[in-house]
Structure formats: structure tokens, C-alpha cells
Amino acid sequence: MGDSTWKVVFGETGTTNDSVYTQKVTIFSANGEVLGTFKGSSTPNPFKPSDPSIKGEEAYPFISEGSYGVTHGTHKGKPALVVNNNQFVPTRNKNPNFPDYGKRANYIHVHWGYKTTWKGSAGCPTIHPGQWKDFLAKVPSGSGILVVP
């Protein structure tokens, strides 16, 4: 890989046998060693809980494929990973919650999913709730890179 930064890599959809957290998430150390693999999702909740008739890209922004800086921070007051210092990241679709933003979203965090049956995310990549504590414990300190397919 050539660089010496740890990475959290979300695999393609369908790389786990889970129906909600369908992406294998691998944590790599700075020297490329696998520190752990988990179930996650880099796509948001498929519906808006306040109005379940609003689905998919109409409900939430989907962050674009790419690599983003990530650091330790908080989500709703609990430890999480903060993407791009809470600044804007590009999205595949217009941000339906903030139309003025266009195809971008901010305050994107890697955090725990709220339920095993429901991602509970408005655009953030999430980790299976049963694996979150173990995931967070395996993420190295300092800054790393988040890779989204």
C-alpha cells in the first residue's frame, strides 16, 4: 500500500451473510496487518423512520465511493469515528435533508447500528451493534483512512 496509516475498509454489499449489515468491514494496521473483521453497512437506513414511505436515496444521502480521513471523536456523545473532521464529503445523490448542500453531506460518523434489524443511520456508515465495542477496541489511535466502495 505504500503509506503508513491504518484503514477501515468497507467491502462490497453482499460480503457478509447478514441481511442488514451486508458489508465486511476490515481494520488494517499501518503495516497492512488485519486487526479485525466485522459486519457493517456504508449505506444509510433504507427508509425514514418518521415517514417509512420515503425510501432509499429520497430518504438520506449515500456517501460516494472513495477514501476519507477519519479520526476518533463522538456520535451522540459516545465514542465513534469522525469522517473528514465533520466537513463535507461527496454523496451519490442530492442530500434530501438539506437540499442547499447539493451532492454532499457533513457530520458523517462511523458509528454503531441501532438495531440488528435496522441500521439507524441518516448517511453514516454503521457497524453491527453486537460488534461495535469490539470494533472500536481494534481501531488504532490517531488518524486513519475510511474506504467506502
N, C-alpha and C. Protein backbone atom coordinates (compact mmCIF):
# COMPACT_ATOMS: atom_id res chain seq x y z
N MET A 1 0.83 -1.20 0.00
CA MET A 1 0.00 0.00 0.00
C MET A 1 0.86 1.26 0.00
N GLY A 2 2.02 1.18 0.55
CA GLY A 2 2.94 2.30 0.43
C GLY A 2 2.80 3.39 1.48
N ASP A 3 1.64 3.50 2.12
CA ASP A 3 1.53 4.53 3.16
C ASP A 3 1.48 3.85 4.52
N SER A 4 1.69 4.64 5.57
CA SER A 4 1.74 4.03 6.90
C SER A 4 0.61 4.57 7.76
N THR A 5 -0.61 4.37 7.32
CA THR A 5 -1.79 4.82 8.05
C THR A 5 -2.74 3.65 8.18
N TRP A 6 -3.36 3.52 9.33
CA TRP A 6 -4.36 2.47 9.46
C TRP A 6 -5.59 2.79 8.62
N LYS A 7 -6.34 1.73 8.30
CA LYS A 7 -7.51 1.90 7.43
C LYS A 7 -8.68 1.09 7.96
N VAL A 8 -9.88 1.61 7.75
CA VAL A 8 -11.13 0.88 7.95
C VAL A 8 -11.75 0.76 6.56
N VAL A 9 -11.83 -0.49 6.07
CA VAL A 9 -12.27 -0.72 4.69
C VAL A 9 -13.61 -1.45 4.67
N PHE A 10 -14.60 -0.80 4.07
CA PHE A 10 -15.90 -1.44 3.86
C PHE A 10 -15.86 -2.19 2.54
N GLY A 11 -16.19 -3.48 2.58
CA GLY A 11 -16.24 -4.28 1.37
C GLY A 11 -17.53 -4.03 0.60
N GLU A 12 -17.66 -4.70 -0.54
CA GLU A 12 -18.87 -4.55 -1.34
C GLU A 12 -20.08 -5.12 -0.59
N THR A 13 -21.27 -4.68 -0.96
CA THR A 13 -22.51 -5.24 -0.44
C THR A 13 -22.55 -6.73 -0.77
N GLY A 14 -22.97 -7.54 0.19
CA GLY A 14 -23.06 -8.99 -0.05
C GLY A 14 -21.84 -9.76 0.40
N THR A 15 -20.89 -9.10 1.07
CA THR A 15 -19.69 -9.79 1.53
C THR A 15 -19.87 -10.37 2.93
N THR A 16 -21.09 -10.23 3.51
CA THR A 16 -21.42 -10.95 4.75
C THR A 16 -22.72 -11.70 4.51
N ASN A 17 -23.08 -12.58 5.45
CA ASN A 17 -24.35 -13.30 5.32
C ASN A 17 -25.45 -12.61 6.11
N ASP A 18 -25.24 -11.37 6.52
CA ASP A 18 -26.22 -10.62 7.29
C ASP A 18 -27.13 -9.87 6.33
N SER A 19 -28.43 -9.79 6.66
CA SER A 19 -29.37 -9.14 5.75
C SER A 19 -29.39 -7.61 5.90
N VAL A 20 -28.87 -7.09 7.01
CA VAL A 20 -28.86 -5.64 7.24
C VAL A 20 -27.44 -5.08 7.10
N TYR A 21 -26.50 -5.71 7.82
CA TYR A 21 -25.10 -5.28 7.80
C TYR A 21 -24.39 -6.18 6.78
N THR A 22 -24.55 -5.81 5.50
CA THR A 22 -24.20 -6.70 4.38
C THR A 22 -22.77 -6.56 3.90
N GLN A 23 -21.99 -5.67 4.52
CA GLN A 23 -20.62 -5.43 4.05
C GLN A 23 -19.60 -5.87 5.09
N LYS A 24 -18.60 -6.62 4.64
CA LYS A 24 -17.49 -6.99 5.52
C LYS A 24 -16.65 -5.74 5.73
N VAL A 25 -16.34 -5.45 6.98
CA VAL A 25 -15.53 -4.28 7.33
C VAL A 25 -14.23 -4.80 7.93
N THR A 26 -13.11 -4.40 7.33
CA THR A 26 -11.80 -4.87 7.78
C THR A 26 -10.99 -3.70 8.31
N ILE A 27 -10.38 -3.88 9.47
CA ILE A 27 -9.47 -2.88 10.02
C ILE A 27 -8.05 -3.36 9.72
N PHE A 28 -7.28 -2.50 9.04
CA PHE A 28 -5.88 -2.80 8.73
C PHE A 28 -4.98 -1.89 9.54
N SER A 29 -3.90 -2.46 10.10
CA SER A 29 -2.91 -1.63 10.78
C SER A 29 -2.11 -0.85 9.75
N ALA A 30 -1.26 0.06 10.23
CA ALA A 30 -0.45 0.87 9.33
C ALA A 30 0.47 0.02 8.44
N ASN A 31 0.85 -1.18 8.93
CA ASN A 31 1.72 -2.02 8.09
C ASN A 31 0.93 -3.09 7.32
N GLY A 32 -0.40 -2.93 7.28
CA GLY A 32 -1.22 -3.80 6.45
C GLY A 32 -1.74 -5.05 7.12
N GLU A 33 -1.46 -5.21 8.41
CA GLU A 33 -1.94 -6.38 9.15
C GLU A 33 -3.44 -6.24 9.42
N VAL A 34 -4.18 -7.34 9.28
CA VAL A 34 -5.61 -7.32 9.59
C VAL A 34 -5.80 -7.36 11.11
N LEU A 35 -6.44 -6.33 11.65
CA LEU A 35 -6.67 -6.24 13.09
C LEU A 35 -8.03 -6.81 13.48
N GLY A 36 -8.93 -6.92 12.51
CA GLY A 36 -10.25 -7.46 12.81
C GLY A 36 -11.18 -7.31 11.62
N THR A 37 -12.18 -8.20 11.55
CA THR A 37 -13.20 -8.08 10.51
C THR A 37 -14.58 -8.08 11.19
N PHE A 38 -15.47 -7.28 10.63
CA PHE A 38 -16.77 -7.04 11.26
C PHE A 38 -17.84 -6.93 10.18
N LYS A 39 -19.10 -6.86 10.62
CA LYS A 39 -20.21 -6.64 9.70
C LYS A 39 -20.63 -5.19 9.79
N GLY A 40 -20.82 -4.56 8.64
CA GLY A 40 -21.22 -3.16 8.65
C GLY A 40 -22.02 -2.81 7.41
N SER A 41 -22.32 -1.52 7.31
CA SER A 41 -23.04 -1.02 6.14
C SER A 41 -22.59 0.40 5.87
N SER A 42 -22.16 0.68 4.64
CA SER A 42 -21.78 2.05 4.30
C SER A 42 -22.96 2.80 3.67
N THR A 43 -24.12 2.14 3.59
CA THR A 43 -25.31 2.82 3.08
C THR A 43 -26.23 3.14 4.24
N PRO A 44 -26.98 4.22 4.15
CA PRO A 44 -27.85 4.61 5.27
C PRO A 44 -29.07 3.70 5.39
N ASN A 45 -29.86 3.99 6.40
CA ASN A 45 -31.12 3.29 6.57
C ASN A 45 -31.92 3.37 5.27
N PRO A 46 -32.61 2.30 4.85
CA PRO A 46 -33.33 2.34 3.58
C PRO A 46 -34.63 3.13 3.62
N PHE A 47 -35.04 3.56 4.81
CA PHE A 47 -36.29 4.33 4.93
C PHE A 47 -36.13 5.33 6.06
N LYS A 48 -37.02 6.33 6.06
CA LYS A 48 -37.02 7.34 7.12
C LYS A 48 -38.01 6.89 8.20
N PRO A 49 -37.56 6.66 9.42
CA PRO A 49 -38.49 6.19 10.45
C PRO A 49 -39.72 7.10 10.63
N SER A 50 -39.52 8.41 10.47
CA SER A 50 -40.65 9.34 10.64
C SER A 50 -41.66 9.22 9.50
N ASP A 51 -41.22 8.69 8.35
CA ASP A 51 -42.11 8.51 7.20
C ASP A 51 -41.57 7.37 6.35
N PRO A 52 -41.90 6.11 6.72
CA PRO A 52 -41.32 4.93 6.05
C PRO A 52 -41.63 4.86 4.55
N SER A 53 -42.57 5.70 4.07
CA SER A 53 -42.85 5.68 2.63
C SER A 53 -41.71 6.35 1.85
N ILE A 54 -40.89 7.15 2.54
CA ILE A 54 -39.72 7.78 1.91
C ILE A 54 -38.57 6.79 1.98
N LYS A 55 -38.11 6.36 0.80
CA LYS A 55 -37.13 5.26 0.78
C LYS A 55 -35.86 5.62 0.00
N GLY A 56 -34.79 4.86 0.32
CA GLY A 56 -33.56 4.92 -0.47
C GLY A 56 -32.97 6.31 -0.57
N GLU A 57 -32.58 6.71 -1.77
CA GLU A 57 -31.89 7.99 -1.96
C GLU A 57 -32.80 9.18 -1.71
N GLU A 58 -34.11 8.94 -1.65
CA GLU A 58 -35.04 10.04 -1.31
C GLU A 58 -35.00 10.30 0.19
N ALA A 59 -34.56 9.31 0.95
CA ALA A 59 -34.58 9.42 2.41
C ALA A 59 -33.30 10.06 2.95
N TYR A 60 -32.16 9.58 2.48
CA TYR A 60 -30.89 10.00 3.05
C TYR A 60 -29.80 10.07 1.99
N PRO A 61 -28.73 10.84 2.27
CA PRO A 61 -27.59 10.86 1.35
C PRO A 61 -26.72 9.61 1.49
N PHE A 62 -26.25 9.09 0.36
CA PHE A 62 -25.36 7.93 0.33
C PHE A 62 -23.96 8.46 0.04
N ILE A 63 -23.02 8.27 0.94
CA ILE A 63 -21.69 8.83 0.67
C ILE A 63 -21.04 8.14 -0.52
N SER A 64 -20.31 8.92 -1.30
CA SER A 64 -19.69 8.44 -2.53
C SER A 64 -18.52 7.50 -2.24
N GLU A 65 -18.26 6.64 -3.22
CA GLU A 65 -17.10 5.75 -3.18
C GLU A 65 -15.84 6.59 -3.02
N GLY A 66 -14.92 6.11 -2.19
CA GLY A 66 -13.67 6.84 -2.06
C GLY A 66 -12.99 6.59 -0.73
N SER A 67 -11.92 7.35 -0.50
CA SER A 67 -11.15 7.27 0.74
C SER A 67 -11.26 8.60 1.46
N TYR A 68 -11.51 8.54 2.75
CA TYR A 68 -11.72 9.74 3.55
C TYR A 68 -10.90 9.66 4.82
N GLY A 69 -10.41 10.81 5.27
CA GLY A 69 -9.72 10.84 6.55
C GLY A 69 -10.69 10.56 7.68
N VAL A 70 -10.22 9.86 8.70
CA VAL A 70 -11.08 9.52 9.83
C VAL A 70 -10.27 9.63 11.12
N THR A 71 -10.91 10.16 12.17
CA THR A 71 -10.27 10.31 13.46
C THR A 71 -11.25 9.90 14.56
N HIS A 72 -10.73 9.67 15.75
CA HIS A 72 -11.60 9.34 16.87
C HIS A 72 -12.34 10.58 17.33
N GLY A 73 -13.62 10.43 17.61
CA GLY A 73 -14.44 11.54 18.08
C GLY A 73 -15.68 10.97 18.72
N THR A 74 -16.80 11.68 18.59
CA THR A 74 -18.04 11.20 19.21
C THR A 74 -19.22 11.28 18.24
N HIS A 75 -20.21 10.44 18.51
CA HIS A 75 -21.51 10.47 17.84
C HIS A 75 -22.54 10.37 18.95
N LYS A 76 -23.40 11.38 19.05
CA LYS A 76 -24.40 11.42 20.12
C LYS A 76 -23.74 11.24 21.50
N GLY A 77 -22.56 11.85 21.66
CA GLY A 77 -21.90 11.85 22.96
C GLY A 77 -21.12 10.58 23.31
N LYS A 78 -21.12 9.59 22.41
CA LYS A 78 -20.38 8.35 22.68
C LYS A 78 -19.24 8.21 21.67
N PRO A 79 -18.18 7.47 22.03
CA PRO A 79 -17.05 7.32 21.10
C PRO A 79 -17.48 6.78 19.74
N ALA A 80 -16.95 7.38 18.70
CA ALA A 80 -17.22 6.97 17.33
C ALA A 80 -16.05 7.46 16.48
N LEU A 81 -16.11 7.22 15.18
CA LEU A 81 -15.08 7.73 14.26
C LEU A 81 -15.68 8.87 13.45
N VAL A 82 -14.98 9.97 13.40
CA VAL A 82 -15.44 11.16 12.69
C VAL A 82 -14.78 11.22 11.31
N VAL A 83 -15.60 11.33 10.29
CA VAL A 83 -15.12 11.34 8.91
C VAL A 83 -14.86 12.78 8.45
N ASN A 84 -13.68 13.01 7.89
CA ASN A 84 -13.32 14.30 7.31
C ASN A 84 -13.55 15.48 8.27
N ASN A 85 -13.25 15.27 9.56
CA ASN A 85 -13.38 16.34 10.57
C ASN A 85 -14.75 17.02 10.57
N ASN A 86 -15.81 16.25 10.28
CA ASN A 86 -17.18 16.75 10.22
C ASN A 86 -17.42 17.72 9.06
N GLN A 87 -16.45 17.86 8.17
CA GLN A 87 -16.63 18.70 6.99
C GLN A 87 -17.37 17.90 5.92
N PHE A 88 -17.71 18.57 4.82
CA PHE A 88 -18.48 17.91 3.77
C PHE A 88 -17.73 16.76 3.09
N VAL A 89 -18.47 15.71 2.77
CA VAL A 89 -17.98 14.63 1.90
C VAL A 89 -18.97 14.52 0.75
N PRO A 90 -18.50 14.06 -0.43
CA PRO A 90 -19.40 13.95 -1.57
C PRO A 90 -20.40 12.80 -1.39
N THR A 91 -21.60 12.97 -1.95
CA THR A 91 -22.62 11.92 -1.90
C THR A 91 -23.05 11.56 -3.31
N ARG A 92 -23.58 10.34 -3.45
CA ARG A 92 -24.01 9.84 -4.76
C ARG A 92 -25.30 10.51 -5.22
N ASN A 93 -26.03 11.06 -4.27
CA ASN A 93 -27.32 11.67 -4.58
C ASN A 93 -27.40 13.02 -3.89
N LYS A 94 -28.37 13.84 -4.31
CA LYS A 94 -28.56 15.11 -3.61
C LYS A 94 -28.97 14.81 -2.18
N ASN A 95 -28.55 15.65 -1.25
CA ASN A 95 -28.87 15.46 0.16
C ASN A 95 -30.32 15.86 0.40
N PRO A 96 -31.23 14.87 0.57
CA PRO A 96 -32.64 15.21 0.68
C PRO A 96 -33.00 15.98 1.95
N ASN A 97 -32.16 15.86 2.99
CA ASN A 97 -32.45 16.55 4.24
C ASN A 97 -32.02 18.01 4.20
N PHE A 98 -31.04 18.31 3.36
CA PHE A 98 -30.51 19.67 3.22
C PHE A 98 -30.31 19.97 1.73
N PRO A 99 -31.40 20.27 1.01
CA PRO A 99 -31.30 20.45 -0.45
C PRO A 99 -30.24 21.47 -0.89
N ASP A 100 -29.98 22.48 -0.06
CA ASP A 100 -28.99 23.50 -0.42
C ASP A 100 -27.57 22.93 -0.49
N TYR A 101 -27.33 21.77 0.15
CA TYR A 101 -26.00 21.19 0.17
C TYR A 101 -25.65 20.55 -1.17
N GLY A 102 -26.66 20.24 -1.98
CA GLY A 102 -26.39 19.53 -3.23
C GLY A 102 -25.95 18.10 -2.92
N LYS A 103 -24.96 17.62 -3.70
CA LYS A 103 -24.49 16.23 -3.53
C LYS A 103 -23.35 16.18 -2.53
N ARG A 104 -23.67 16.49 -1.29
CA ARG A 104 -22.67 16.40 -0.22
C ARG A 104 -23.38 16.35 1.13
N ALA A 105 -22.65 15.85 2.13
CA ALA A 105 -23.19 15.75 3.48
C ALA A 105 -22.05 16.00 4.46
N ASN A 106 -22.38 16.51 5.64
CA ASN A 106 -21.37 16.71 6.68
C ASN A 106 -21.79 15.99 7.95
N TYR A 107 -20.92 16.04 8.93
CA TYR A 107 -21.14 15.31 10.19
C TYR A 107 -21.39 13.83 9.94
N ILE A 108 -20.55 13.24 9.09
CA ILE A 108 -20.62 11.80 8.82
C ILE A 108 -19.70 11.09 9.83
N HIS A 109 -20.27 10.11 10.52
CA HIS A 109 -19.52 9.36 11.53
C HIS A 109 -19.66 7.87 11.25
N VAL A 110 -18.61 7.11 11.58
CA VAL A 110 -18.75 5.65 11.62
C VAL A 110 -19.21 5.34 13.04
N HIS A 111 -20.43 4.79 13.16
CA HIS A 111 -20.98 4.52 14.49
C HIS A 111 -21.72 3.20 14.52
N TRP A 112 -22.21 2.84 15.70
CA TRP A 112 -22.95 1.60 15.90
C TRP A 112 -24.30 1.69 15.20
N GLY A 113 -24.75 0.57 14.65
CA GLY A 113 -26.14 0.50 14.19
C GLY A 113 -27.03 0.41 15.41
N TYR A 114 -28.25 0.93 15.30
CA TYR A 114 -29.12 0.98 16.48
C TYR A 114 -29.78 -0.35 16.80
N LYS A 115 -30.06 -1.13 15.78
CA LYS A 115 -30.70 -2.44 15.99
C LYS A 115 -30.10 -3.42 14.99
N THR A 116 -30.22 -4.71 15.30
CA THR A 116 -29.72 -5.71 14.35
C THR A 116 -30.57 -5.74 13.09
N THR A 117 -31.81 -5.24 13.19
CA THR A 117 -32.74 -5.26 12.05
C THR A 117 -32.84 -3.92 11.35
N TRP A 118 -32.09 -2.92 11.82
CA TRP A 118 -32.27 -1.55 11.35
C TRP A 118 -30.97 -0.77 11.54
N LYS A 119 -30.46 -0.21 10.45
CA LYS A 119 -29.15 0.46 10.51
C LYS A 119 -29.19 1.72 11.38
N GLY A 120 -30.30 2.44 11.31
CA GLY A 120 -30.42 3.64 12.13
C GLY A 120 -29.43 4.71 11.76
N SER A 121 -29.21 4.92 10.46
CA SER A 121 -28.24 5.91 10.03
C SER A 121 -28.85 6.83 8.98
N ALA A 122 -28.54 8.11 9.10
CA ALA A 122 -29.01 9.09 8.12
C ALA A 122 -27.88 9.44 7.15
N GLY A 123 -27.07 8.49 6.79
CA GLY A 123 -25.98 8.75 5.87
C GLY A 123 -24.65 8.20 6.36
N CYS A 124 -24.58 7.83 7.62
CA CYS A 124 -23.32 7.37 8.20
C CYS A 124 -23.09 5.88 7.96
N PRO A 125 -21.83 5.48 7.76
CA PRO A 125 -21.50 4.04 7.78
C PRO A 125 -21.69 3.50 9.20
N THR A 126 -22.30 2.33 9.32
CA THR A 126 -22.55 1.76 10.64
C THR A 126 -21.96 0.36 10.76
N ILE A 127 -21.73 -0.03 12.01
CA ILE A 127 -21.20 -1.35 12.36
C ILE A 127 -22.30 -2.09 13.13
N HIS A 128 -22.38 -3.39 12.90
CA HIS A 128 -23.37 -4.23 13.59
C HIS A 128 -23.31 -3.93 15.10
N PRO A 129 -24.47 -3.66 15.73
CA PRO A 129 -24.45 -3.25 17.14
C PRO A 129 -23.80 -4.27 18.07
N GLY A 130 -23.91 -5.54 17.76
CA GLY A 130 -23.30 -6.57 18.60
C GLY A 130 -21.79 -6.62 18.48
N GLN A 131 -21.24 -5.94 17.47
CA GLN A 131 -19.79 -5.97 17.24
C GLN A 131 -19.13 -4.62 17.48
N TRP A 132 -19.91 -3.60 17.81
CA TRP A 132 -19.39 -2.24 17.90
C TRP A 132 -18.26 -2.09 18.91
N LYS A 133 -18.46 -2.57 20.14
CA LYS A 133 -17.43 -2.39 21.19
C LYS A 133 -16.11 -3.03 20.77
N ASP A 134 -16.21 -4.23 20.19
CA ASP A 134 -15.01 -4.94 19.73
C ASP A 134 -14.37 -4.18 18.56
N PHE A 135 -15.19 -3.68 17.66
CA PHE A 135 -14.69 -2.90 16.52
C PHE A 135 -13.90 -1.69 17.02
N LEU A 136 -14.51 -0.91 17.90
CA LEU A 136 -13.88 0.31 18.40
C LEU A 136 -12.57 0.00 19.13
N ALA A 137 -12.55 -1.12 19.87
CA ALA A 137 -11.35 -1.51 20.60
C ALA A 137 -10.20 -1.87 19.67
N LYS A 138 -10.51 -2.30 18.45
CA LYS A 138 -9.48 -2.72 17.50
C LYS A 138 -8.96 -1.59 16.62
N VAL A 139 -9.69 -0.46 16.58
CA VAL A 139 -9.25 0.66 15.75
C VAL A 139 -8.05 1.33 16.42
N PRO A 140 -6.93 1.47 15.68
CA PRO A 140 -5.76 2.12 16.28
C PRO A 140 -6.05 3.57 16.67
N SER A 141 -5.19 4.14 17.51
CA SER A 141 -5.37 5.54 17.89
C SER A 141 -4.90 6.44 16.76
N GLY A 142 -5.15 7.72 16.91
CA GLY A 142 -4.74 8.70 15.91
C GLY A 142 -5.68 8.74 14.72
N SER A 143 -5.13 9.15 13.58
CA SER A 143 -5.93 9.33 12.37
C SER A 143 -5.71 8.19 11.40
N GLY A 144 -6.76 7.86 10.67
CA GLY A 144 -6.66 6.79 9.69
C GLY A 144 -7.43 7.16 8.43
N ILE A 145 -7.75 6.13 7.66
CA ILE A 145 -8.46 6.32 6.40
C ILE A 145 -9.67 5.39 6.37
N LEU A 146 -10.80 5.94 5.97
CA LEU A 146 -12.02 5.17 5.75
C LEU A 146 -12.15 4.94 4.25
N VAL A 147 -12.35 3.68 3.85
CA VAL A 147 -12.52 3.36 2.42
C VAL A 147 -13.93 2.81 2.23
N VAL A 148 -14.67 3.46 1.32
CA VAL A 148 -16.06 3.11 1.03
C VAL A 148 -16.17 2.68 -0.42
N PRO A 149 -16.85 1.52 -0.68
CA PRO A 149 -16.93 1.05 -2.07
C PRO A 149 -17.90 1.86 -2.94
